[in-house]
Amino acid sequence: MGAVTVRSLAAADEAAAEALLDEMLAGRHQVRLGERIDVLSLSGAGAWDGDRLVGVVTWTEPSGDGGRSELAALAVALDRWGLGVGGILVETAAAAASAAGATAQWLVTTNDNLDALRLYQRHGYRLTELRAGAVDEARRAKPTIPEAGRHGIPLHDELVLERDLSAPRPGNA
């Protein structure tokens, strides 16, 4: 296992990115906040170990709602969890959004996603909203959403987190 290199996703990376998203997030089409989006249609980056894609992150360009960007998807191969790949990709998305003029970056995860919650909070994201029952509702549009998550926690709610991109990240002040 070598060090990863991060670069923007290119059209030639689509099959590898889609396979990783299929494995880790049940596909490239994500349902959140009552909306279905194709996360591979957005700006993104991949983490590579040689020729193997081991992580993907996608984000939106800043919008008119106060210059906010969405971190739309983050997937890291299971054998790379806990090795810093997720953190590198989170910071890649935040830096790209900031460079494009975003003042904040937000994301949606689920109530069961303890690993993601730990990662995002370590990188300066704060809980801003609980959408009770939103996953139950999304499951009607995307039946492949499981009833329970990785830790056996029933999946019911969406959590919205946001990071002020102008503030120093905890530990980097």
N, C-alpha and C. Protein backbone atom coordinates (compact mmCIF):
# COMPACT_ATOMS: atom_id res chain seq x y z
N MET A 1 0.83 -1.17 0.00
CA MET A 1 0.00 0.00 0.00
C MET A 1 0.88 1.24 0.00
N GLY A 2 0.84 1.99 -1.09
CA GLY A 2 1.65 3.19 -1.18
C GLY A 2 0.87 4.43 -0.81
N ALA A 3 1.54 5.57 -0.92
CA ALA A 3 0.88 6.86 -0.68
C ALA A 3 -0.07 7.13 -1.84
N VAL A 4 -1.15 7.85 -1.55
CA VAL A 4 -2.10 8.17 -2.60
C VAL A 4 -1.74 9.49 -3.25
N THR A 5 -2.12 9.61 -4.50
CA THR A 5 -2.04 10.88 -5.20
C THR A 5 -3.47 11.31 -5.52
N VAL A 6 -3.71 12.60 -5.44
CA VAL A 6 -5.06 13.14 -5.67
C VAL A 6 -5.01 13.99 -6.92
N ARG A 7 -6.02 13.79 -7.78
CA ARG A 7 -6.15 14.61 -8.98
C ARG A 7 -7.61 14.71 -9.34
N SER A 8 -7.92 15.73 -10.14
CA SER A 8 -9.29 15.91 -10.62
C SER A 8 -9.74 14.67 -11.39
N LEU A 9 -11.02 14.36 -11.27
CA LEU A 9 -11.57 13.26 -12.05
C LEU A 9 -11.69 13.67 -13.51
N ALA A 10 -11.37 12.75 -14.39
CA ALA A 10 -11.48 12.97 -15.83
C ALA A 10 -12.51 11.99 -16.38
N ALA A 11 -12.95 12.22 -17.60
CA ALA A 11 -13.95 11.34 -18.22
C ALA A 11 -13.47 9.89 -18.22
N ALA A 12 -12.19 9.68 -18.39
CA ALA A 12 -11.64 8.32 -18.42
C ALA A 12 -11.73 7.62 -17.06
N ASP A 13 -11.97 8.38 -15.99
CA ASP A 13 -12.06 7.81 -14.64
C ASP A 13 -13.48 7.40 -14.25
N GLU A 14 -14.45 7.69 -15.12
CA GLU A 14 -15.85 7.51 -14.75
C GLU A 14 -16.18 6.08 -14.34
N ALA A 15 -15.72 5.08 -15.08
CA ALA A 15 -16.05 3.69 -14.76
C ALA A 15 -15.50 3.30 -13.39
N ALA A 16 -14.26 3.68 -13.09
CA ALA A 16 -13.67 3.36 -11.79
C ALA A 16 -14.39 4.09 -10.67
N ALA A 17 -14.73 5.36 -10.90
CA ALA A 17 -15.44 6.14 -9.89
C ALA A 17 -16.83 5.56 -9.65
N GLU A 18 -17.50 5.19 -10.72
CA GLU A 18 -18.85 4.62 -10.57
C GLU A 18 -18.78 3.29 -9.81
N ALA A 19 -17.79 2.47 -10.08
CA ALA A 19 -17.65 1.19 -9.37
C ALA A 19 -17.42 1.42 -7.88
N LEU A 20 -16.59 2.40 -7.52
CA LEU A 20 -16.35 2.69 -6.10
C LEU A 20 -17.61 3.23 -5.44
N LEU A 21 -18.33 4.10 -6.13
CA LEU A 21 -19.58 4.63 -5.58
C LEU A 21 -20.64 3.54 -5.45
N ASP A 22 -20.68 2.61 -6.40
CA ASP A 22 -21.60 1.48 -6.30
C ASP A 22 -21.31 0.66 -5.05
N GLU A 23 -20.04 0.41 -4.82
CA GLU A 23 -19.62 -0.42 -3.68
C GLU A 23 -19.87 0.27 -2.35
N MET A 24 -19.57 1.57 -2.27
CA MET A 24 -19.58 2.25 -0.98
C MET A 24 -20.85 3.06 -0.69
N LEU A 25 -21.51 3.56 -1.74
CA LEU A 25 -22.66 4.45 -1.54
C LEU A 25 -23.92 4.00 -2.28
N ALA A 26 -23.94 2.77 -2.75
CA ALA A 26 -25.08 2.25 -3.50
C ALA A 26 -25.33 3.04 -4.79
N GLY A 27 -24.27 3.59 -5.37
CA GLY A 27 -24.40 4.18 -6.69
C GLY A 27 -24.11 5.66 -6.78
N ARG A 28 -24.04 6.11 -8.01
CA ARG A 28 -23.72 7.51 -8.31
C ARG A 28 -24.92 8.42 -8.14
N HIS A 29 -26.11 7.86 -8.13
CA HIS A 29 -27.33 8.65 -7.95
C HIS A 29 -27.68 8.64 -6.47
N GLN A 30 -27.57 9.80 -5.84
CA GLN A 30 -27.83 9.94 -4.42
C GLN A 30 -29.12 10.73 -4.21
N VAL A 31 -29.86 10.35 -3.19
CA VAL A 31 -31.08 11.06 -2.81
C VAL A 31 -30.81 11.69 -1.46
N ARG A 32 -30.95 13.02 -1.41
CA ARG A 32 -30.80 13.76 -0.16
C ARG A 32 -31.61 15.03 -0.26
N LEU A 33 -32.14 15.45 0.87
CA LEU A 33 -32.99 16.64 0.93
C LEU A 33 -34.15 16.55 -0.06
N GLY A 34 -34.63 15.32 -0.29
CA GLY A 34 -35.76 15.12 -1.18
C GLY A 34 -35.45 15.24 -2.66
N GLU A 35 -34.17 15.29 -2.99
CA GLU A 35 -33.75 15.48 -4.38
C GLU A 35 -32.78 14.38 -4.78
N ARG A 36 -32.89 13.92 -6.01
CA ARG A 36 -31.98 12.90 -6.54
C ARG A 36 -30.95 13.59 -7.42
N ILE A 37 -29.66 13.32 -7.16
CA ILE A 37 -28.60 13.92 -7.97
C ILE A 37 -27.60 12.87 -8.43
N ASP A 38 -27.01 13.11 -9.57
CA ASP A 38 -25.92 12.28 -10.10
C ASP A 38 -24.63 12.93 -9.64
N VAL A 39 -24.00 12.37 -8.63
CA VAL A 39 -22.82 13.01 -8.05
C VAL A 39 -21.62 13.02 -8.99
N LEU A 40 -21.61 12.13 -9.99
CA LEU A 40 -20.49 12.13 -10.94
C LEU A 40 -20.67 13.18 -12.03
N SER A 41 -21.78 13.90 -12.03
CA SER A 41 -21.95 15.01 -12.97
C SER A 41 -21.36 16.30 -12.40
N LEU A 42 -20.85 16.24 -11.17
CA LEU A 42 -20.31 17.41 -10.47
C LEU A 42 -18.78 17.44 -10.56
N SER A 43 -18.20 18.53 -10.09
CA SER A 43 -16.74 18.59 -9.97
C SER A 43 -16.29 17.53 -8.98
N GLY A 44 -15.11 16.98 -9.21
CA GLY A 44 -14.66 15.93 -8.30
C GLY A 44 -13.19 15.64 -8.41
N ALA A 45 -12.73 14.85 -7.45
CA ALA A 45 -11.33 14.42 -7.41
C ALA A 45 -11.28 12.97 -6.97
N GLY A 46 -10.21 12.32 -7.33
CA GLY A 46 -10.00 10.94 -6.93
C GLY A 46 -8.66 10.78 -6.25
N ALA A 47 -8.61 9.83 -5.33
CA ALA A 47 -7.36 9.45 -4.68
C ALA A 47 -6.93 8.12 -5.30
N TRP A 48 -5.70 8.10 -5.77
CA TRP A 48 -5.19 6.94 -6.51
C TRP A 48 -3.99 6.34 -5.79
N ASP A 49 -3.96 5.02 -5.76
CA ASP A 49 -2.78 4.26 -5.34
C ASP A 49 -2.32 3.54 -6.59
N GLY A 50 -1.33 4.12 -7.25
CA GLY A 50 -0.94 3.59 -8.55
C GLY A 50 -2.09 3.75 -9.52
N ASP A 51 -2.53 2.64 -10.11
CA ASP A 51 -3.64 2.66 -11.06
C ASP A 51 -5.00 2.42 -10.41
N ARG A 52 -5.02 2.21 -9.10
CA ARG A 52 -6.27 1.89 -8.40
C ARG A 52 -6.88 3.13 -7.77
N LEU A 53 -8.15 3.40 -8.10
CA LEU A 53 -8.89 4.48 -7.47
C LEU A 53 -9.35 3.99 -6.09
N VAL A 54 -8.90 4.67 -5.03
CA VAL A 54 -9.23 4.25 -3.67
C VAL A 54 -10.14 5.26 -2.95
N GLY A 55 -10.42 6.39 -3.58
CA GLY A 55 -11.31 7.37 -2.98
C GLY A 55 -11.84 8.35 -4.01
N VAL A 56 -13.06 8.83 -3.77
CA VAL A 56 -13.71 9.80 -4.66
C VAL A 56 -14.41 10.85 -3.79
N VAL A 57 -14.32 12.10 -4.21
CA VAL A 57 -15.10 13.17 -3.59
C VAL A 57 -15.65 14.04 -4.71
N THR A 58 -16.91 14.49 -4.54
CA THR A 58 -17.51 15.42 -5.50
C THR A 58 -18.14 16.57 -4.75
N TRP A 59 -18.24 17.71 -5.43
CA TRP A 59 -18.79 18.91 -4.80
C TRP A 59 -19.44 19.79 -5.86
N THR A 60 -20.29 20.70 -5.38
CA THR A 60 -20.91 21.66 -6.29
C THR A 60 -20.11 22.96 -6.27
N GLU A 61 -20.25 23.70 -7.33
CA GLU A 61 -19.65 25.03 -7.38
C GLU A 61 -20.47 25.94 -6.46
N PRO A 62 -19.87 27.03 -5.96
CA PRO A 62 -20.62 27.93 -5.08
C PRO A 62 -21.89 28.43 -5.75
N SER A 63 -22.95 28.51 -4.97
CA SER A 63 -24.23 28.94 -5.51
C SER A 63 -24.59 30.33 -4.99
N GLY A 64 -25.72 30.81 -5.44
CA GLY A 64 -26.18 32.13 -5.04
C GLY A 64 -26.68 32.20 -3.61
N ASP A 65 -26.73 31.07 -2.91
CA ASP A 65 -27.23 31.10 -1.53
C ASP A 65 -26.12 31.42 -0.54
N GLY A 66 -25.49 32.55 -0.73
CA GLY A 66 -24.42 32.97 0.18
C GLY A 66 -23.08 32.39 -0.18
N GLY A 67 -22.92 31.91 -1.40
CA GLY A 67 -21.62 31.38 -1.81
C GLY A 67 -21.32 30.02 -1.19
N ARG A 68 -22.35 29.19 -1.05
CA ARG A 68 -22.16 27.88 -0.43
C ARG A 68 -21.94 26.81 -1.49
N SER A 69 -21.13 25.82 -1.14
CA SER A 69 -20.85 24.67 -1.97
C SER A 69 -21.32 23.43 -1.21
N GLU A 70 -21.75 22.42 -1.94
CA GLU A 70 -22.11 21.17 -1.29
C GLU A 70 -21.01 20.14 -1.50
N LEU A 71 -20.58 19.48 -0.45
CA LEU A 71 -19.76 18.28 -0.57
C LEU A 71 -20.78 17.18 -0.82
N ALA A 72 -20.92 16.75 -2.07
CA ALA A 72 -22.03 15.90 -2.48
C ALA A 72 -21.79 14.42 -2.22
N ALA A 73 -20.56 13.95 -2.36
CA ALA A 73 -20.27 12.53 -2.16
C ALA A 73 -18.83 12.35 -1.73
N LEU A 74 -18.64 11.40 -0.83
CA LEU A 74 -17.30 10.99 -0.40
C LEU A 74 -17.34 9.48 -0.23
N ALA A 75 -16.47 8.80 -0.95
CA ALA A 75 -16.38 7.34 -0.84
C ALA A 75 -14.91 6.95 -0.79
N VAL A 76 -14.58 6.10 0.16
CA VAL A 76 -13.22 5.59 0.31
C VAL A 76 -13.30 4.07 0.40
N ALA A 77 -12.45 3.38 -0.35
CA ALA A 77 -12.41 1.92 -0.30
C ALA A 77 -12.21 1.45 1.14
N LEU A 78 -12.92 0.41 1.52
CA LEU A 78 -12.88 -0.08 2.90
C LEU A 78 -11.46 -0.35 3.40
N ASP A 79 -10.60 -0.88 2.54
CA ASP A 79 -9.24 -1.20 2.98
C ASP A 79 -8.39 0.05 3.19
N ARG A 80 -8.94 1.23 2.91
CA ARG A 80 -8.24 2.50 3.12
C ARG A 80 -8.82 3.32 4.25
N TRP A 81 -9.86 2.82 4.91
CA TRP A 81 -10.44 3.54 6.03
C TRP A 81 -9.42 3.68 7.14
N GLY A 82 -9.39 4.83 7.76
CA GLY A 82 -8.50 5.07 8.90
C GLY A 82 -7.08 5.41 8.50
N LEU A 83 -6.82 5.58 7.22
CA LEU A 83 -5.46 5.87 6.74
C LEU A 83 -5.29 7.29 6.24
N GLY A 84 -6.31 8.13 6.42
CA GLY A 84 -6.21 9.53 6.04
C GLY A 84 -6.72 9.89 4.67
N VAL A 85 -7.16 8.91 3.89
CA VAL A 85 -7.63 9.20 2.53
C VAL A 85 -8.87 10.08 2.57
N GLY A 86 -9.82 9.77 3.45
CA GLY A 86 -11.03 10.58 3.56
C GLY A 86 -10.72 12.02 3.92
N GLY A 87 -9.82 12.22 4.86
CA GLY A 87 -9.44 13.58 5.26
C GLY A 87 -8.79 14.36 4.12
N ILE A 88 -7.94 13.69 3.37
CA ILE A 88 -7.31 14.34 2.21
C ILE A 88 -8.37 14.77 1.21
N LEU A 89 -9.35 13.92 0.96
CA LEU A 89 -10.39 14.25 -0.01
C LEU A 89 -11.33 15.34 0.50
N VAL A 90 -11.66 15.31 1.79
CA VAL A 90 -12.48 16.39 2.37
C VAL A 90 -11.78 17.73 2.20
N GLU A 91 -10.49 17.77 2.50
CA GLU A 91 -9.74 19.02 2.37
C GLU A 91 -9.59 19.43 0.91
N THR A 92 -9.51 18.47 0.01
CA THR A 92 -9.45 18.78 -1.43
C THR A 92 -10.73 19.48 -1.87
N ALA A 93 -11.89 18.94 -1.44
CA ALA A 93 -13.17 19.55 -1.80
C ALA A 93 -13.33 20.94 -1.18
N ALA A 94 -12.92 21.09 0.07
CA ALA A 94 -13.03 22.39 0.74
C ALA A 94 -12.13 23.42 0.07
N ALA A 95 -10.91 23.03 -0.28
CA ALA A 95 -9.98 23.95 -0.93
C ALA A 95 -10.49 24.37 -2.32
N ALA A 96 -11.03 23.41 -3.06
CA ALA A 96 -11.56 23.72 -4.39
C ALA A 96 -12.75 24.67 -4.29
N ALA A 97 -13.63 24.41 -3.34
CA ALA A 97 -14.80 25.28 -3.15
C ALA A 97 -14.36 26.68 -2.74
N SER A 98 -13.43 26.76 -1.83
CA SER A 98 -12.93 28.05 -1.38
C SER A 98 -12.27 28.82 -2.52
N ALA A 99 -11.47 28.13 -3.32
CA ALA A 99 -10.80 28.76 -4.47
C ALA A 99 -11.82 29.28 -5.49
N ALA A 100 -12.99 28.63 -5.55
CA ALA A 100 -14.04 29.06 -6.48
C ALA A 100 -14.92 30.15 -5.89
N GLY A 101 -14.61 30.57 -4.67
CA GLY A 101 -15.34 31.67 -4.06
C GLY A 101 -16.37 31.28 -3.00
N ALA A 102 -16.45 30.00 -2.66
CA ALA A 102 -17.41 29.58 -1.63
C ALA A 102 -16.96 30.07 -0.26
N THR A 103 -17.92 30.48 0.53
CA THR A 103 -17.64 30.90 1.90
C THR A 103 -17.96 29.80 2.90
N ALA A 104 -18.74 28.81 2.46
CA ALA A 104 -19.11 27.69 3.32
C ALA A 104 -19.31 26.46 2.46
N GLN A 105 -19.19 25.31 3.10
CA GLN A 105 -19.47 24.05 2.41
C GLN A 105 -20.36 23.22 3.32
N TRP A 106 -21.41 22.65 2.76
CA TRP A 106 -22.35 21.86 3.52
C TRP A 106 -22.41 20.45 2.95
N LEU A 107 -22.98 19.55 3.72
CA LEU A 107 -23.13 18.17 3.28
C LEU A 107 -24.28 17.53 4.03
N VAL A 108 -24.71 16.41 3.52
CA VAL A 108 -25.75 15.62 4.16
C VAL A 108 -25.20 14.22 4.38
N THR A 109 -25.40 13.70 5.58
CA THR A 109 -25.09 12.31 5.87
C THR A 109 -26.28 11.74 6.63
N THR A 110 -26.16 10.51 7.06
CA THR A 110 -27.29 9.86 7.74
C THR A 110 -26.97 9.61 9.20
N ASN A 111 -28.04 9.41 9.97
CA ASN A 111 -27.91 9.25 11.42
C ASN A 111 -27.03 8.08 11.84
N ASP A 112 -26.89 7.08 11.00
CA ASP A 112 -26.11 5.88 11.34
C ASP A 112 -24.63 6.00 10.99
N ASN A 113 -24.25 7.03 10.25
CA ASN A 113 -22.92 7.11 9.65
C ASN A 113 -21.89 7.68 10.63
N LEU A 114 -21.60 6.92 11.66
CA LEU A 114 -20.72 7.37 12.73
C LEU A 114 -19.31 7.69 12.24
N ASP A 115 -18.80 6.88 11.32
CA ASP A 115 -17.45 7.12 10.80
C ASP A 115 -17.37 8.46 10.06
N ALA A 116 -18.39 8.74 9.25
CA ALA A 116 -18.41 10.01 8.51
C ALA A 116 -18.59 11.18 9.46
N LEU A 117 -19.47 11.04 10.44
CA LEU A 117 -19.67 12.13 11.40
C LEU A 117 -18.37 12.47 12.11
N ARG A 118 -17.62 11.47 12.49
CA ARG A 118 -16.33 11.70 13.15
C ARG A 118 -15.38 12.43 12.20
N LEU A 119 -15.28 11.96 10.97
CA LEU A 119 -14.40 12.58 9.98
C LEU A 119 -14.78 14.04 9.73
N TYR A 120 -16.05 14.28 9.44
CA TYR A 120 -16.47 15.64 9.10
C TYR A 120 -16.27 16.61 10.26
N GLN A 121 -16.60 16.18 11.47
CA GLN A 121 -16.42 17.08 12.61
C GLN A 121 -14.94 17.36 12.86
N ARG A 122 -14.09 16.41 12.63
CA ARG A 122 -12.65 16.65 12.77
C ARG A 122 -12.14 17.66 11.76
N HIS A 123 -12.88 17.81 10.67
CA HIS A 123 -12.48 18.75 9.62
C HIS A 123 -13.30 20.03 9.63
N GLY A 124 -13.91 20.33 10.78
CA GLY A 124 -14.54 21.63 10.97
C GLY A 124 -16.00 21.75 10.59
N TYR A 125 -16.65 20.66 10.19
CA TYR A 125 -18.07 20.70 9.86
C TYR A 125 -18.86 20.59 11.16
N ARG A 126 -19.96 21.36 11.23
CA ARG A 126 -20.81 21.38 12.42
C ARG A 126 -22.23 21.03 12.04
N LEU A 127 -22.90 20.31 12.90
CA LEU A 127 -24.29 19.92 12.68
C LEU A 127 -25.17 21.17 12.67
N THR A 128 -25.96 21.33 11.60
CA THR A 128 -26.85 22.49 11.50
C THR A 128 -28.31 22.12 11.40
N GLU A 129 -28.60 20.85 11.06
CA GLU A 129 -30.00 20.49 10.87
C GLU A 129 -30.18 18.98 11.00
N LEU A 130 -31.29 18.60 11.61
CA LEU A 130 -31.74 17.21 11.66
C LEU A 130 -33.01 17.13 10.84
N ARG A 131 -33.03 16.25 9.86
CA ARG A 131 -34.23 16.06 9.04
C ARG A 131 -34.80 14.68 9.38
N ALA A 132 -35.61 14.66 10.43
CA ALA A 132 -36.17 13.41 10.94
C ALA A 132 -37.04 12.74 9.87
N GLY A 133 -36.79 11.44 9.65
CA GLY A 133 -37.57 10.66 8.70
C GLY A 133 -37.20 10.85 7.24
N ALA A 134 -36.21 11.68 6.95
CA ALA A 134 -35.86 11.97 5.55
C ALA A 134 -35.33 10.75 4.80
N VAL A 135 -34.62 9.86 5.49
CA VAL A 135 -34.11 8.66 4.82
C VAL A 135 -35.26 7.70 4.53
N ASP A 136 -36.22 7.60 5.44
CA ASP A 136 -37.41 6.78 5.19
C ASP A 136 -38.10 7.26 3.91
N GLU A 137 -38.22 8.57 3.78
CA GLU A 137 -38.84 9.16 2.59
C GLU A 137 -37.99 8.90 1.34
N ALA A 138 -36.67 9.07 1.44
CA ALA A 138 -35.77 8.85 0.30
C ALA A 138 -35.80 7.40 -0.15
N ARG A 139 -36.01 6.49 0.77
CA ARG A 139 -36.04 5.06 0.45
C ARG A 139 -37.17 4.74 -0.53
N ARG A 140 -38.23 5.53 -0.51
CA ARG A 140 -39.32 5.32 -1.46
C ARG A 140 -38.85 5.63 -2.89
N ALA A 141 -37.97 6.63 -3.03
CA ALA A 141 -37.43 6.98 -4.35
C ALA A 141 -36.25 6.10 -4.74
N LYS A 142 -35.52 5.59 -3.74
CA LYS A 142 -34.34 4.76 -3.99
C LYS A 142 -34.41 3.55 -3.06
N PRO A 143 -35.13 2.50 -3.46
CA PRO A 143 -35.35 1.35 -2.59
C PRO A 143 -34.08 0.61 -2.18
N THR A 144 -32.95 0.87 -2.83
CA THR A 144 -31.70 0.20 -2.46
C THR A 144 -31.09 0.74 -1.17
N ILE A 145 -31.63 1.83 -0.62
CA ILE A 145 -31.14 2.34 0.65
C ILE A 145 -31.47 1.30 1.72
N PRO A 146 -30.47 0.81 2.45
CA PRO A 146 -30.73 -0.24 3.43
C PRO A 146 -31.52 0.27 4.64
N GLU A 147 -32.10 -0.66 5.37
CA GLU A 147 -32.85 -0.35 6.58
C GLU A 147 -31.94 0.02 7.74
N ALA A 148 -30.73 -0.56 7.76
CA ALA A 148 -29.76 -0.29 8.84
C ALA A 148 -28.40 -0.06 8.23
N GLY A 149 -27.57 0.68 8.95
CA GLY A 149 -26.23 1.01 8.47
C GLY A 149 -25.17 0.05 8.96
N ARG A 150 -23.93 0.43 8.71
CA ARG A 150 -22.76 -0.41 8.98
C ARG A 150 -22.67 -0.86 10.44
N HIS A 151 -23.12 -0.06 11.37
CA HIS A 151 -23.03 -0.39 12.80
C HIS A 151 -24.34 -0.97 13.34
N GLY A 152 -25.25 -1.36 12.45
CA GLY A 152 -26.52 -1.93 12.87
C GLY A 152 -27.52 -0.91 13.37
N ILE A 153 -27.25 0.37 13.14
CA ILE A 153 -28.13 1.45 13.57
C ILE A 153 -29.22 1.64 12.51
N PRO A 154 -30.49 1.62 12.92
CA PRO A 154 -31.56 1.86 11.94
C PRO A 154 -31.37 3.22 11.24
N LEU A 155 -31.52 3.20 9.94
CA LEU A 155 -31.33 4.39 9.10
C LEU A 155 -32.67 5.10 8.91
N HIS A 156 -32.81 6.28 9.49
CA HIS A 156 -34.06 7.03 9.36
C HIS A 156 -33.87 8.49 8.98
N ASP A 157 -32.81 9.14 9.46
CA ASP A 157 -32.72 10.60 9.42
C ASP A 157 -31.51 11.10 8.61
N GLU A 158 -31.68 12.28 8.04
CA GLU A 158 -30.56 12.99 7.41
C GLU A 158 -30.03 14.03 8.39
N LEU A 159 -28.73 14.18 8.40
CA LEU A 159 -28.07 15.21 9.19
C LEU A 159 -27.36 16.14 8.23
N VAL A 160 -27.56 17.44 8.39
CA VAL A 160 -26.90 18.44 7.56
C VAL A 160 -25.79 19.06 8.40
N LEU A 161 -24.59 19.09 7.84
CA LEU A 161 -23.45 19.72 8.50
C LEU A 161 -22.92 20.81 7.59
N GLU A 162 -22.27 21.82 8.17
CA GLU A 162 -21.72 22.92 7.40
C GLU A 162 -20.39 23.34 7.99
N ARG A 163 -19.51 23.79 7.10
CA ARG A 163 -18.19 24.27 7.50
C ARG A 163 -17.99 25.68 6.96
N ASP A 164 -17.57 26.57 7.84
CA ASP A 164 -17.21 27.94 7.46
C ASP A 164 -15.82 27.84 6.84
N LEU A 165 -15.72 28.10 5.54
CA LEU A 165 -14.44 27.95 4.85
C LEU A 165 -13.46 29.08 5.15
N SER A 166 -13.95 30.15 5.79
CA SER A 166 -13.04 31.24 6.13
C SER A 166 -12.39 31.01 7.51
N ALA A 167 -12.92 30.08 8.27
CA ALA A 167 -12.38 29.81 9.62
C ALA A 167 -11.27 28.77 9.53
N PRO A 168 -10.26 28.88 10.38
CA PRO A 168 -9.21 27.85 10.38
C PRO A 168 -9.81 26.53 10.84
N ARG A 169 -9.34 25.45 10.22
CA ARG A 169 -9.79 24.12 10.62
C ARG A 169 -9.22 23.79 11.99
N PRO A 170 -10.03 23.12 12.85
CA PRO A 170 -9.51 22.75 14.18
C PRO A 170 -8.18 22.01 14.04
N GLY A 171 -7.23 22.39 14.88
CA GLY A 171 -5.90 21.78 14.83
C GLY A 171 -4.96 22.48 13.88
N ASN A 172 -5.48 23.41 13.06
CA ASN A 172 -4.65 24.12 12.09
C ASN A 172 -4.60 25.61 12.37
N ALA A 173 -5.09 26.03 13.54
CA ALA A 173 -5.14 27.46 13.85
C ALA A 173 -3.77 28.03 14.09
